[in-house]
Each structure stands twice: as C-alpha cells, then as structure tokens.
PDB file of N, CA and C in Angstrom:
ATOM      1  N   MET A   1       0.797  -1.195   0.012  1.00  0.00           N
ATOM      2  CA  MET A   1       0.009  -0.005  -0.010  1.00  0.00           C
ATOM      3  C   MET A   1       0.903   1.215   0.020  1.00  0.00           C
ATOM      4  N   ASN A   2       0.586   2.192  -0.908  1.00  0.00           N
ATOM      5  CA  ASN A   2       1.403   3.359  -1.036  1.00  0.00           C
ATOM      6  C   ASN A   2       0.719   4.547  -0.309  1.00  0.00           C
ATOM      7  N   ASN A   3       1.226   4.975   0.786  1.00  0.00           N
ATOM      8  CA  ASN A   3       0.685   6.019   1.556  1.00  0.00           C
ATOM      9  C   ASN A   3       1.436   7.373   1.320  1.00  0.00           C
ATOM     10  N   LYS A   4       2.312   7.378   0.336  1.00  0.00           N
ATOM     11  CA  LYS A   4       3.086   8.589   0.059  1.00  0.00           C
ATOM     12  C   LYS A   4       2.133   9.740  -0.341  1.00  0.00           C
ATOM     13  N   VAL A   5       2.322  10.824   0.356  1.00  0.00           N
ATOM     14  CA  VAL A   5       1.504  12.039   0.130  1.00  0.00           C
ATOM     15  C   VAL A   5       2.379  13.040  -0.620  1.00  0.00           C
ATOM     16  N   ASP A   6       1.840  13.660  -1.601  1.00  0.00           N
ATOM     17  CA  ASP A   6       2.546  14.608  -2.427  1.00  0.00           C
ATOM     18  C   ASP A   6       2.379  15.994  -1.810  1.00  0.00           C
ATOM     19  N   TYR A   7       3.477  16.717  -1.670  1.00  0.00           N
ATOM     20  CA  TYR A   7       3.399  18.065  -1.095  1.00  0.00           C
ATOM     21  C   TYR A   7       2.447  18.980  -1.813  1.00  0.00           C
ATOM     22  N   GLN A   8       2.410  18.962  -3.166  1.00  0.00           N
ATOM     23  CA  GLN A   8       1.512  19.824  -3.935  1.00  0.00           C
ATOM     24  C   GLN A   8       0.082  19.490  -3.647  1.00  0.00           C
ATOM     25  N   GLN A   9      -0.268  18.275  -3.374  1.00  0.00           N
ATOM     26  CA  GLN A   9      -1.624  17.870  -2.999  1.00  0.00           C
ATOM     27  C   GLN A   9      -1.968  18.394  -1.616  1.00  0.00           C
ATOM     28  N   VAL A  10      -1.004  18.275  -0.703  1.00  0.00           N
ATOM     29  CA  VAL A  10      -1.204  18.774   0.656  1.00  0.00           C
ATOM     30  C   VAL A  10      -1.400  20.281   0.692  1.00  0.00           C
ATOM     31  N   ILE A  11      -0.524  20.993  -0.017  1.00  0.00           N
ATOM     32  CA  ILE A  11      -0.651  22.453   0.017  1.00  0.00           C
ATOM     33  C   ILE A  11      -1.938  22.905  -0.629  1.00  0.00           C
ATOM     34  N   ALA A  12      -2.328  22.232  -1.697  1.00  0.00           N
ATOM     35  CA  ALA A  12      -3.605  22.581  -2.340  1.00  0.00           C
ATOM     36  C   ALA A  12      -4.774  22.440  -1.352  1.00  0.00           C
ATOM     37  N   GLU A  13      -4.769  21.305  -0.606  1.00  0.00           N
ATOM     38  CA  GLU A  13      -5.819  21.148   0.380  1.00  0.00           C
ATOM     39  C   GLU A  13      -5.763  22.109   1.472  1.00  0.00           C
ATOM     40  N   LEU A  14      -4.573  22.514   1.950  1.00  0.00           N
ATOM     41  CA  LEU A  14      -4.428  23.538   2.990  1.00  0.00           C
ATOM     42  C   LEU A  14      -4.916  24.897   2.495  1.00  0.00           C
ATOM     43  N   ILE A  15      -4.554  25.247   1.302  1.00  0.00           N
ATOM     44  CA  ILE A  15      -5.030  26.535   0.707  1.00  0.00           C
ATOM     45  C   ILE A  15      -6.577  26.540   0.571  1.00  0.00           C
ATOM     46  N   LYS A  16      -7.127  25.462   0.099  1.00  0.00           N
ATOM     47  CA  LYS A  16      -8.555  25.332  -0.047  1.00  0.00           C
ATOM     48  C   LYS A  16      -9.191  25.493   1.335  1.00  0.00           C
ATOM     49  N   PHE A  17      -8.717  24.805   2.339  1.00  0.00           N
ATOM     50  CA  PHE A  17      -9.208  24.885   3.689  1.00  0.00           C
ATOM     51  C   PHE A  17      -9.169  26.325   4.187  1.00  0.00           C
ATOM     52  N   ARG A  18      -8.019  26.972   3.977  1.00  0.00           N
ATOM     53  CA  ARG A  18      -7.851  28.346   4.381  1.00  0.00           C
ATOM     54  C   ARG A  18      -8.833  29.283   3.636  1.00  0.00           C
ATOM     55  N   ASP A  19      -8.891  29.163   2.315  1.00  0.00           N
ATOM     56  CA  ASP A  19      -9.700  30.027   1.530  1.00  0.00           C
ATOM     57  C   ASP A  19     -11.226  29.844   1.778  1.00  0.00           C
ATOM     58  N   ASP A  20     -11.600  28.551   2.013  1.00  0.00           N
ATOM     59  CA  ASP A  20     -13.028  28.249   2.269  1.00  0.00           C
ATOM     60  C   ASP A  20     -13.515  28.991   3.540  1.00  0.00           C
ATOM     61  N   ARG A  21     -12.654  29.258   4.440  1.00  0.00           N
ATOM     62  CA  ARG A  21     -12.911  29.954   5.690  1.00  0.00           C
ATOM     63  C   ARG A  21     -12.605  31.453   5.656  1.00  0.00           C
ATOM     64  N   ASN A  22     -12.080  31.908   4.535  1.00  0.00           N
ATOM     65  CA  ASN A  22     -11.699  33.313   4.317  1.00  0.00           C
ATOM     66  C   ASN A  22     -10.605  33.763   5.347  1.00  0.00           C
ATOM     67  N   TRP A  23      -9.716  32.819   5.624  1.00  0.00           N
ATOM     68  CA  TRP A  23      -8.636  33.125   6.572  1.00  0.00           C
ATOM     69  C   TRP A  23      -7.416  33.742   5.873  1.00  0.00           C
ATOM     70  N   GLN A  24      -7.399  33.804   4.584  1.00  0.00           N
ATOM     71  CA  GLN A  24      -6.212  34.296   3.896  1.00  0.00           C
ATOM     72  C   GLN A  24      -5.816  35.719   4.343  1.00  0.00           C
ATOM     73  N   LYS A  25      -6.796  36.482   4.767  1.00  0.00           N
ATOM     74  CA  LYS A  25      -6.497  37.847   5.261  1.00  0.00           C
ATOM     75  C   LYS A  25      -5.659  37.836   6.537  1.00  0.00           C
ATOM     76  N   TYR A  26      -5.679  36.710   7.228  1.00  0.00           N
ATOM     77  CA  TYR A  26      -4.904  36.575   8.444  1.00  0.00           C
ATOM     78  C   TYR A  26      -3.512  35.943   8.226  1.00  0.00           C
ATOM     79  N   HIS A  27      -3.392  35.295   7.068  1.00  0.00           N
ATOM     80  CA  HIS A  27      -2.195  34.593   6.768  1.00  0.00           C
ATOM     81  C   HIS A  27      -1.109  35.398   6.116  1.00  0.00           C
ATOM     82  N   ASN A  28      -0.554  36.303   6.928  1.00  0.00           N
ATOM     83  CA  ASN A  28       0.640  37.038   6.533  1.00  0.00           C
ATOM     84  C   ASN A  28       1.761  36.374   7.187  1.00  0.00           C
ATOM     85  N   LEU A  29       3.001  36.704   6.786  1.00  0.00           N
ATOM     86  CA  LEU A  29       4.227  36.027   7.356  1.00  0.00           C
ATOM     87  C   LEU A  29       4.313  36.201   8.870  1.00  0.00           C
ATOM     88  N   LYS A  30       4.028  37.426   9.368  1.00  0.00           N
ATOM     89  CA  LYS A  30       4.146  37.681  10.795  1.00  0.00           C
ATOM     90  C   LYS A  30       3.187  36.750  11.595  1.00  0.00           C
ATOM     91  N   ASN A  31       1.938  36.769  11.187  1.00  0.00           N
ATOM     92  CA  ASN A  31       0.975  35.951  11.906  1.00  0.00           C
ATOM     93  C   ASN A  31       1.277  34.432  11.827  1.00  0.00           C
ATOM     94  N   LEU A  32       1.751  34.016  10.657  1.00  0.00           N
ATOM     95  CA  LEU A  32       2.072  32.629  10.514  1.00  0.00           C
ATOM     96  C   LEU A  32       3.279  32.244  11.333  1.00  0.00           C
ATOM     97  N   ALA A  33       4.268  33.149  11.398  1.00  0.00           N
ATOM     98  CA  ALA A  33       5.469  32.912  12.276  1.00  0.00           C
ATOM     99  C   ALA A  33       5.054  32.849  13.771  1.00  0.00           C
ATOM    100  N   GLU A  34       4.198  33.682  14.158  1.00  0.00           N
ATOM    101  CA  GLU A  34       3.700  33.651  15.563  1.00  0.00           C
ATOM    102  C   GLU A  34       2.980  32.295  15.852  1.00  0.00           C
ATOM    103  N   SER A  35       2.125  31.893  14.874  1.00  0.00           N
ATOM    104  CA  SER A  35       1.367  30.635  15.085  1.00  0.00           C
ATOM    105  C   SER A  35       2.280  29.469  15.069  1.00  0.00           C
ATOM    106  N   LEU A  36       3.337  29.520  14.227  1.00  0.00           N
ATOM    107  CA  LEU A  36       4.308  28.398  14.206  1.00  0.00           C
ATOM    108  C   LEU A  36       4.980  28.301  15.488  1.00  0.00           C
ATOM    109  N   ASN A  37       5.383  29.475  16.065  1.00  0.00           N
ATOM    110  CA  ASN A  37       6.070  29.447  17.341  1.00  0.00           C
ATOM    111  C   ASN A  37       5.179  28.915  18.464  1.00  0.00           C
ATOM    112  N   LEU A  38       3.908  29.312  18.451  1.00  0.00           N
ATOM    113  CA  LEU A  38       2.991  28.822  19.462  1.00  0.00           C
ATOM    114  C   LEU A  38       2.790  27.328  19.343  1.00  0.00           C
ATOM    115  N   GLU A  39       2.690  26.758  18.156  1.00  0.00           N
ATOM    116  CA  GLU A  39       2.530  25.304  17.957  1.00  0.00           C
ATOM    117  C   GLU A  39       3.843  24.584  18.374  1.00  0.00           C
ATOM    118  N   ALA A  40       4.978  25.195  18.089  1.00  0.00           N
ATOM    119  CA  ALA A  40       6.271  24.562  18.498  1.00  0.00           C
ATOM    120  C   ALA A  40       6.327  24.475  20.034  1.00  0.00           C
ATOM    121  N   SER A  41       5.728  25.520  20.680  1.00  0.00           N
ATOM    122  CA  SER A  41       5.734  25.522  22.172  1.00  0.00           C
ATOM    123  C   SER A  41       4.824  24.412  22.681  1.00  0.00           C
ATOM    124  N   GLU A  42       3.745  24.103  21.955  1.00  0.00           N
ATOM    125  CA  GLU A  42       2.883  22.990  22.357  1.00  0.00           C
ATOM    126  C   GLU A  42       3.570  21.616  22.196  1.00  0.00           C
ATOM    127  N   VAL A  43       4.533  21.544  21.228  1.00  0.00           N
ATOM    128  CA  VAL A  43       5.310  20.354  21.103  1.00  0.00           C
ATOM    129  C   VAL A  43       6.180  20.195  22.359  1.00  0.00           C
ATOM    130  N   LEU A  44       6.824  21.272  22.742  1.00  0.00           N
ATOM    131  CA  LEU A  44       7.656  21.226  23.909  1.00  0.00           C
ATOM    132  C   LEU A  44       6.892  20.962  25.219  1.00  0.00           C
ATOM    133  N   GLU A  45       5.656  21.464  25.278  1.00  0.00           N
ATOM    134  CA  GLU A  45       4.873  21.277  26.491  1.00  0.00           C
ATOM    135  C   GLU A  45       4.646  19.792  26.818  1.00  0.00           C
ATOM    136  N   ILE A  46       4.568  18.950  25.771  1.00  0.00           N
ATOM    137  CA  ILE A  46       4.392  17.526  25.929  1.00  0.00           C
ATOM    138  C   ILE A  46       5.492  16.939  26.782  1.00  0.00           C
ATOM    139  N   PHE A  47       6.693  17.442  26.696  1.00  0.00           N
ATOM    140  CA  PHE A  47       7.829  16.969  27.419  1.00  0.00           C
ATOM    141  C   PHE A  47       8.087  17.662  28.759  1.00  0.00           C
ATOM    142  N   GLN A  48       7.359  18.724  29.006  1.00  0.00           N
ATOM    143  CA  GLN A  48       7.590  19.538  30.255  1.00  0.00           C
ATOM    144  C   GLN A  48       7.462  18.661  31.512  1.00  0.00           C
ATOM    145  N   TRP A  49       8.459  18.743  32.304  1.00  0.00           N
ATOM    146  CA  TRP A  49       8.561  18.118  33.618  1.00  0.00           C
ATOM    147  C   TRP A  49       8.782  16.618  33.531  1.00  0.00           C
ATOM    148  N   LYS A  50       8.998  16.065  32.382  1.00  0.00           N
ATOM    149  CA  LYS A  50       9.248  14.618  32.249  1.00  0.00           C
ATOM    150  C   LYS A  50      10.756  14.340  32.260  1.00  0.00           C
ATOM    151  N   PRO A  51      11.187  13.338  32.973  1.00  0.00           N
ATOM    152  CA  PRO A  51      12.579  12.946  32.865  1.00  0.00           C
ATOM    153  C   PRO A  51      12.901  12.576  31.406  1.00  0.00           C
ATOM    154  N   GLU A  52      14.102  12.844  30.939  1.00  0.00           N
ATOM    155  CA  GLU A  52      14.528  12.551  29.607  1.00  0.00           C
ATOM    156  C   GLU A  52      14.341  11.077  29.281  1.00  0.00           C
ATOM    157  N   SER A  53      14.485  10.194  30.243  1.00  0.00           N
ATOM    158  CA  SER A  53      14.413   8.769  29.989  1.00  0.00           C
ATOM    159  C   SER A  53      12.967   8.275  29.862  1.00  0.00           C
ATOM    160  N   GLN A  54      12.000   9.088  30.304  1.00  0.00           N
ATOM    161  CA  GLN A  54      10.572   8.652  30.281  1.00  0.00           C
ATOM    162  C   GLN A  54      10.049   8.548  28.852  1.00  0.00           C
ATOM    163  N   GLN A  55       9.517   7.385  28.564  1.00  0.00           N
ATOM    164  CA  GLN A  55       8.850   7.144  27.270  1.00  0.00           C
ATOM    165  C   GLN A  55       7.515   7.796  27.251  1.00  0.00           C
ATOM    166  N   LEU A  56       7.080   8.269  26.056  1.00  0.00           N
ATOM    167  CA  LEU A  56       5.763   8.813  25.870  1.00  0.00           C
ATOM    168  C   LEU A  56       4.804   7.679  25.786  1.00  0.00           C
ATOM    169  N   ASP A  57       3.607   7.839  26.348  1.00  0.00           N
ATOM    170  CA  ASP A  57       2.589   6.826  26.223  1.00  0.00           C
ATOM    171  C   ASP A  57       1.874   7.050  24.862  1.00  0.00           C
ATOM    172  N   GLU A  58       0.984   6.190  24.492  1.00  0.00           N
ATOM    173  CA  GLU A  58       0.342   6.198  23.193  1.00  0.00           C
ATOM    174  C   GLU A  58      -0.435   7.505  22.963  1.00  0.00           C
ATOM    175  N   ALA A  59      -1.124   7.937  23.979  1.00  0.00           N
ATOM    176  CA  ALA A  59      -1.903   9.232  23.902  1.00  0.00           C
ATOM    177  C   ALA A  59      -0.924  10.405  23.698  1.00  0.00           C
ATOM    178  N   GLU A  60       0.223  10.346  24.366  1.00  0.00           N
ATOM    179  CA  GLU A  60       1.207  11.509  24.233  1.00  0.00           C
ATOM    180  C   GLU A  60       1.811  11.454  22.851  1.00  0.00           C
ATOM    181  N   VAL A  61       2.077  10.243  22.323  1.00  0.00           N
ATOM    182  CA  VAL A  61       2.614  10.168  20.990  1.00  0.00           C
ATOM    183  C   VAL A  61       1.603  10.675  19.933  1.00  0.00           C
ATOM    184  N   ASP A  62       0.314  10.391  20.101  1.00  0.00           N
ATOM    185  CA  ASP A  62      -0.710  10.873  19.255  1.00  0.00           C
ATOM    186  C   ASP A  62      -0.762  12.386  19.359  1.00  0.00           C
ATOM    187  N   HIS A  63      -0.705  12.880  20.595  1.00  0.00           N
ATOM    188  CA  HIS A  63      -0.754  14.382  20.751  1.00  0.00           C
ATOM    189  C   HIS A  63       0.469  15.000  20.091  1.00  0.00           C
ATOM    190  N   LEU A  64       1.634  14.428  20.245  1.00  0.00           N
ATOM    191  CA  LEU A  64       2.849  14.935  19.607  1.00  0.00           C
ATOM    192  C   LEU A  64       2.702  14.961  18.091  1.00  0.00           C
ATOM    193  N   LYS A  65       2.125  13.919  17.463  1.00  0.00           N
ATOM    194  CA  LYS A  65       1.931  13.915  16.074  1.00  0.00           C
ATOM    195  C   LYS A  65       1.030  15.068  15.659  1.00  0.00           C
ATOM    196  N   GLU A  66       0.013  15.335  16.390  1.00  0.00           N
ATOM    197  CA  GLU A  66      -0.908  16.414  16.100  1.00  0.00           C
ATOM    198  C   GLU A  66      -0.226  17.731  16.124  1.00  0.00           C
ATOM    199  N   GLU A  67       0.587  17.953  17.139  1.00  0.00           N
ATOM    200  CA  GLU A  67       1.313  19.200  17.262  1.00  0.00           C
ATOM    201  C   GLU A  67       2.357  19.352  16.196  1.00  0.00           C
ATOM    202  N   LEU A  68       3.103  18.298  15.897  1.00  0.00           N
ATOM    203  CA  LEU A  68       4.072  18.371  14.798  1.00  0.00           C
ATOM    204  C   LEU A  68       3.360  18.665  13.508  1.00  0.00           C
ATOM    205  N   ALA A  69       2.167  18.048  13.263  1.00  0.00           N
ATOM    206  CA  ALA A  69       1.429  18.453  12.063  1.00  0.00           C
ATOM    207  C   ALA A  69       1.076  19.855  12.001  1.00  0.00           C
ATOM    208  N   ASP A  70       0.655  20.464  13.143  1.00  0.00           N
ATOM    209  CA  ASP A  70       0.355  21.927  13.211  1.00  0.00           C
ATOM    210  C   ASP A  70       1.570  22.732  12.813  1.00  0.00           C
ATOM    211  N   THR A  71       2.770  22.379  13.365  1.00  0.00           N
ATOM    212  CA  THR A  71       3.974  23.138  13.058  1.00  0.00           C
ATOM    213  C   THR A  71       4.296  22.994  11.555  1.00  0.00           C
ATOM    214  N   LEU A  72       4.106  21.845  11.002  1.00  0.00           N
ATOM    215  CA  LEU A  72       4.377  21.639   9.578  1.00  0.00           C
ATOM    216  C   LEU A  72       3.377  22.461   8.727  1.00  0.00           C
ATOM    217  N   ILE A  73       2.124  22.449   9.155  1.00  0.00           N
ATOM    218  CA  ILE A  73       1.069  23.187   8.403  1.00  0.00           C
ATOM    219  C   ILE A  73       1.425  24.626   8.362  1.00  0.00           C
ATOM    220  N   TYR A  74       1.752  25.265   9.477  1.00  0.00           N
ATOM    221  CA  TYR A  74       2.115  26.694   9.456  1.00  0.00           C
ATOM    222  C   TYR A  74       3.439  26.910   8.664  1.00  0.00           C
ATOM    223  N   SER A  75       4.364  25.924   8.725  1.00  0.00           N
ATOM    224  CA  SER A  75       5.533  26.061   7.914  1.00  0.00           C
ATOM    225  C   SER A  75       5.213  25.983   6.408  1.00  0.00           C
ATOM    226  N   PHE A  76       4.292  25.110   6.082  1.00  0.00           N
ATOM    227  CA  PHE A  76       3.878  25.026   4.659  1.00  0.00           C
ATOM    228  C   PHE A  76       3.164  26.289   4.202  1.00  0.00           C
ATOM    229  N   TYR A  77       2.340  26.872   5.100  1.00  0.00           N
ATOM    230  CA  TYR A  77       1.656  28.125   4.769  1.00  0.00           C
ATOM    231  C   TYR A  77       2.727  29.218   4.494  1.00  0.00           C
ATOM    232  N   MET A  78       3.740  29.235   5.308  1.00  0.00           N
ATOM    233  CA  MET A  78       4.800  30.258   5.119  1.00  0.00           C
ATOM    234  C   MET A  78       5.514  30.002   3.808  1.00  0.00           C
ATOM    235  N   CYS A  79       5.856  28.800   3.523  1.00  0.00           N
ATOM    236  CA  CYS A  79       6.502  28.459   2.236  1.00  0.00           C
ATOM    237  C   CYS A  79       5.674  28.881   1.094  1.00  0.00           C
ATOM    238  N   GLU A  80       4.339  28.686   1.170  1.00  0.00           N
ATOM    239  CA  GLU A  80       3.430  29.048   0.117  1.00  0.00           C
ATOM    240  C   GLU A  80       3.533  30.587  -0.078  1.00  0.00           C
ATOM    241  N   LYS A  81       3.462  31.292   1.049  1.00  0.00           N
ATOM    242  CA  LYS A  81       3.561  32.784   1.006  1.00  0.00           C
ATOM    243  C   LYS A  81       4.865  33.229   0.337  1.00  0.00           C
ATOM    244  N   LEU A  82       5.945  32.559   0.615  1.00  0.00           N
ATOM    245  CA  LEU A  82       7.270  32.873   0.065  1.00  0.00           C
ATOM    246  C   LEU A  82       7.513  32.357  -1.320  1.00  0.00           C
ATOM    247  N   GLY A  83       6.603  31.457  -1.750  1.00  0.00           N
ATOM    248  CA  GLY A  83       6.793  30.876  -3.085  1.00  0.00           C
ATOM    249  C   GLY A  83       7.953  29.947  -3.180  1.00  0.00           C
ATOM    250  N   VAL A  84       8.185  29.216  -2.073  1.00  0.00           N
ATOM    251  CA  VAL A  84       9.321  28.274  -2.114  1.00  0.00           C
ATOM    252  C   VAL A  84       8.783  26.842  -1.795  1.00  0.00           C
ATOM    253  N   ASP A  85       9.513  25.863  -2.314  1.00  0.00           N
ATOM    254  CA  ASP A  85       9.188  24.461  -2.069  1.00  0.00           C
ATOM    255  C   ASP A  85       9.959  24.029  -0.755  1.00  0.00           C
ATOM    256  N   PRO A  86       9.233  23.639   0.255  1.00  0.00           N
ATOM    257  CA  PRO A  86       9.845  23.298   1.538  1.00  0.00           C
ATOM    258  C   PRO A  86      10.900  22.130   1.377  1.00  0.00           C
ATOM    259  N   LEU A  87      10.615  21.235   0.550  1.00  0.00           N
ATOM    260  CA  LEU A  87      11.586  20.135   0.368  1.00  0.00           C
ATOM    261  C   LEU A  87      12.876  20.608  -0.280  1.00  0.00           C
ATOM    262  N   GLU A  88      12.763  21.563  -1.161  1.00  0.00           N
ATOM    263  CA  GLU A  88      13.969  22.188  -1.757  1.00  0.00           C
ATOM    264  C   GLU A  88      14.852  22.928  -0.717  1.00  0.00           C
ATOM    265  N   ILE A  89      14.163  23.733   0.099  1.00  0.00           N
ATOM    266  CA  ILE A  89      14.884  24.497   1.101  1.00  0.00           C
ATOM    267  C   ILE A  89      15.519  23.646   2.123  1.00  0.00           C
ATOM    268  N   VAL A  90      14.801  22.571   2.488  1.00  0.00           N
ATOM    269  CA  VAL A  90      15.401  21.553   3.434  1.00  0.00           C
ATOM    270  C   VAL A  90      16.618  20.882   2.826  1.00  0.00           C
ATOM    271  N   GLN A  91      16.518  20.493   1.545  1.00  0.00           N
ATOM    272  CA  GLN A  91      17.654  19.902   0.870  1.00  0.00           C
ATOM    273  C   GLN A  91      18.871  20.816   0.812  1.00  0.00           C
ATOM    274  N   LYS A  92      18.605  22.098   0.508  1.00  0.00           N
ATOM    275  CA  LYS A  92      19.660  23.100   0.507  1.00  0.00           C
ATOM    276  C   LYS A  92      20.354  23.224   1.872  1.00  0.00           C
ATOM    277  N   LYS A  93      19.534  23.185   2.997  1.00  0.00           N
ATOM    278  CA  LYS A  93      20.074  23.256   4.309  1.00  0.00           C
ATOM    279  C   LYS A  93      20.861  21.987   4.628  1.00  0.00           C
ATOM    280  N   VAL A  94      20.378  20.826   4.202  1.00  0.00           N
ATOM    281  CA  VAL A  94      21.096  19.591   4.447  1.00  0.00           C
ATOM    282  C   VAL A  94      22.437  19.670   3.730  1.00  0.00           C
ATOM    283  N   ASP A  95      22.439  20.092   2.478  1.00  0.00           N
ATOM    284  CA  ASP A  95      23.710  20.185   1.738  1.00  0.00           C
ATOM    285  C   ASP A  95      24.664  21.151   2.414  1.00  0.00           C
ATOM    286  N   PHE A  96      24.146  22.283   2.866  1.00  0.00           N
ATOM    287  CA  PHE A  96      24.975  23.290   3.608  1.00  0.00           C
ATOM    288  C   PHE A  96      25.549  22.702   4.884  1.00  0.00           C
ATOM    289  N   ASN A  97      24.758  21.976   5.616  1.00  0.00           N
ATOM    290  CA  ASN A  97      25.181  21.405   6.873  1.00  0.00           C
ATOM    291  C   ASN A  97      26.232  20.301   6.692  1.00  0.00           C
ATOM    292  N   GLN A  98      26.168  19.646   5.566  1.00  0.00           N
ATOM    293  CA  GLN A  98      27.134  18.601   5.250  1.00  0.00           C
ATOM    294  C   GLN A  98      28.596  19.158   5.193  1.00  0.00           C
ATOM    295  N   LYS A  99      28.681  20.461   4.876  1.00  0.00           N
ATOM    296  CA  LYS A  99      29.953  21.140   4.703  1.00  0.00           C
ATOM    297  C   LYS A  99      30.445  21.811   5.995  1.00  0.00           C
ATOM    298  N   ARG A 100      29.560  21.822   6.979  1.00  0.00           N
ATOM    299  CA  ARG A 100      29.901  22.521   8.259  1.00  0.00           C
ATOM    300  C   ARG A 100      30.638  21.626   9.163  1.00  0.00           C
ATOM    301  N   HIS A 101      31.275  22.271  10.143  1.00  0.00           N
ATOM    302  CA  HIS A 101      31.990  21.496  11.194  1.00  0.00           C
ATOM    303  C   HIS A 101      31.649  22.147  12.565  1.00  0.00           C
ATOM    304  N   TRP A 102      31.260  21.325  13.457  1.00  0.00           N
ATOM    305  CA  TRP A 102      30.958  21.727  14.809  1.00  0.00           C
ATOM    306  C   TRP A 102      31.978  21.141  15.817  1.00  0.00           C
ATOM    307  N   LYS A 103      32.184  21.951  16.872  1.00  0.00           N
ATOM    308  CA  LYS A 103      33.169  21.480  17.895  1.00  0.00           C
ATOM    309  C   LYS A 103      32.847  20.084  18.418  1.00  0.00           C
ATOM    310  N   ILE A 104      31.548  19.787  18.552  1.00  0.00           N
ATOM    311  CA  ILE A 104      31.195  18.453  19.132  1.00  0.00           C
ATOM    312  C   ILE A 104      31.514  17.277  18.144  1.00  0.00           C
ATOM    313  N   ASP A 105      31.903  17.601  16.865  1.00  0.00           N
ATOM    314  CA  ASP A 105      32.308  16.607  15.973  1.00  0.00           C
ATOM    315  C   ASP A 105      33.702  16.089  16.214  1.00  0.00           C
ATOM    316  N   ASP A 106      34.467  16.826  17.004  1.00  0.00           N
ATOM    317  CA  ASP A 106      35.888  16.440  17.263  1.00  0.00           C
ATOM    318  C   ASP A 106      35.965  15.183  18.111  1.00  0.00           C
TER     319      ASP A 106
END
C-alpha cells in the first residue's frame, strides 16, 4: 500500500481549507510565524517536567503527532507565501550542513 503524500496535494488542500474559511487575510508572514512558534511551544509542552528517559505513552505520541502536524502546516503556509518548495529549502540546508563543522564533531 502506497501512503506517500505529495506536497503539492497537501498544500492545495491547505489553501482550499484556508480560503473556504476566508482566513487568507490573516495569513501574513508575521501571523504565521507567531502561530508556528505557538505550535512549537505545544510540542515542547508535551515533554515539560518529564525525565529525559521517560517514554511517551500512546496518547502522548498521538498528541505529539498532532502538534508536529500543526507546526508543519504553518511552515507550509509560510513556504506558500514565500513561493518556495519546503523540500527544496530543506535539501539546501542539508547540503549546507554537510559542509559545516561543529566542535562536538571532534
């Protein structure tokens, strides 16, 4: 079974969802960046006060997936606003990082 989802399909669905609700007037880069940050904070909240060694239970994993999806959605909306393909910019960053050296690599 092929569950591969195409980015173009996902962004089209996100844009339709946004436009059907007339939210595009709120989707400027500043508002999207704020929302992305808020959702990223919700990712972190899942781990708040837990020891590093504590495994997440099934409900927490499901919650984490939802919050990660929210961060990706806002990131995709930002990429759409900028007219960039998120997979291309991630690949550029991966290529850049391959050439970098950090002190912890020693």
